[in-house]
Amino acid sequence: MNRFFTFLGKRLALYLNAPRQDYAGFSVANASILRQHLRPGDVLLVEGNSRISTAIKYLTQSTWSHAALYVGDEGPKSL
């Protein structure tokens, strides 16, 4: 029985992580301009292109499926 659930879980994960065929991505900001204006602590909201992203947006009633926190690109500061 354990093998069955393992198999089923893997198949479900493959299905949900597959990219959507009808997805047309776009960005409201140019990547280089965004890079210039990002500050530590900024939150980036992202719409994913997988089936699981669609499920997340539906279940949370949100436009975005993922969020990222920008912590900066500087190395560790010495004390």
Protein backbone atom coordinates (compact mmCIF):
# COMPACT_ATOMS: atom_id res chain seq x y z
CA MET A 1 0.00 0.00 0.00
CA ASN A 2 2.89 2.37 0.77
CA ARG A 3 4.28 1.95 -2.77
CA PHE A 4 0.91 2.85 -4.21
CA PHE A 5 0.74 6.14 -2.28
CA THR A 6 4.36 6.93 -3.17
CA PHE A 7 3.60 6.33 -6.84
CA LEU A 8 0.39 8.35 -6.65
CA GLY A 9 2.13 11.24 -4.87
CA LYS A 10 4.92 11.39 -7.45
CA ARG A 11 2.46 11.33 -10.36
CA LEU A 12 0.38 14.08 -8.76
CA ALA A 13 3.50 16.21 -8.17
CA LEU A 14 4.56 15.77 -11.81
CA TYR A 15 1.11 16.80 -13.00
CA LEU A 16 0.84 19.85 -10.75
CA ASN A 17 4.36 21.09 -11.51
CA ALA A 18 3.93 20.86 -15.29
CA PRO A 19 3.78 24.25 -17.03
CA ARG A 20 0.39 25.43 -18.24
CA GLN A 21 0.00 25.38 -22.01
CA ASP A 22 -2.06 28.59 -22.14
CA TYR A 23 0.31 30.70 -20.04
CA ALA A 24 1.56 33.95 -21.56
CA GLY A 25 3.94 35.64 -19.16
CA PHE A 26 4.56 39.35 -19.02
CA SER A 27 6.41 41.81 -16.85
CA VAL A 28 5.45 45.34 -15.93
CA ALA A 29 9.07 46.24 -15.22
CA ASN A 30 12.28 45.90 -17.16
CA ALA A 31 14.67 43.59 -15.29
CA SER A 32 17.59 46.05 -15.36
CA ILE A 33 15.43 48.91 -14.06
CA LEU A 34 13.98 46.66 -11.37
CA ARG A 35 17.50 45.66 -10.32
CA GLN A 36 18.45 49.34 -9.92
CA HIS A 37 15.48 50.12 -7.67
CA LEU A 38 15.33 47.01 -5.48
CA ARG A 39 16.08 47.66 -1.83
CA PRO A 40 16.57 45.13 0.97
CA GLY A 41 13.18 44.28 2.44
CA ASP A 42 11.26 44.70 -0.82
CA VAL A 43 8.66 42.04 -1.53
CA LEU A 44 8.39 40.75 -5.09
CA LEU A 45 5.05 39.24 -6.13
CA VAL A 46 5.18 36.64 -8.89
CA GLU A 47 2.62 34.76 -10.95
CA GLY A 48 3.86 31.25 -11.66
CA ASN A 49 3.19 29.29 -14.83
CA SER A 50 2.50 25.82 -13.39
CA ARG A 51 -0.78 24.13 -12.51
CA ILE A 52 0.07 24.34 -8.82
CA SER A 53 0.43 28.12 -9.22
CA THR A 54 -3.10 28.25 -10.59
CA ALA A 55 -4.34 26.25 -7.60
CA ILE A 56 -2.52 28.57 -5.16
CA LYS A 57 -4.06 31.65 -6.78
CA TYR A 58 -7.53 30.11 -6.69
CA LEU A 59 -7.32 28.92 -3.09
CA THR A 60 -5.90 32.22 -1.81
CA GLN A 61 -8.07 34.41 -4.08
CA SER A 62 -4.92 36.27 -5.11
CA THR A 63 -3.46 37.56 -8.35
CA TRP A 64 -0.06 36.23 -7.32
CA SER A 65 1.01 32.67 -6.57
CA HIS A 66 4.46 33.31 -5.11
CA ALA A 67 6.25 35.97 -3.10
CA ALA A 68 9.94 36.63 -2.60
CA LEU A 69 11.73 38.84 -0.09
CA TYR A 70 14.77 40.67 -1.43
CA VAL A 71 17.50 40.62 1.20
CA GLY A 72 20.20 42.34 -0.85
CA ASP A 73 23.23 41.35 -2.82
CA GLU A 74 25.97 42.61 -0.52
CA GLY A 75 28.26 40.18 1.21
CA PRO A 76 28.35 39.75 4.97
CA LYS A 77 29.33 42.85 6.91
CA SER A 78 32.26 42.59 9.27
CA LEU A 79 31.74 43.64 12.88
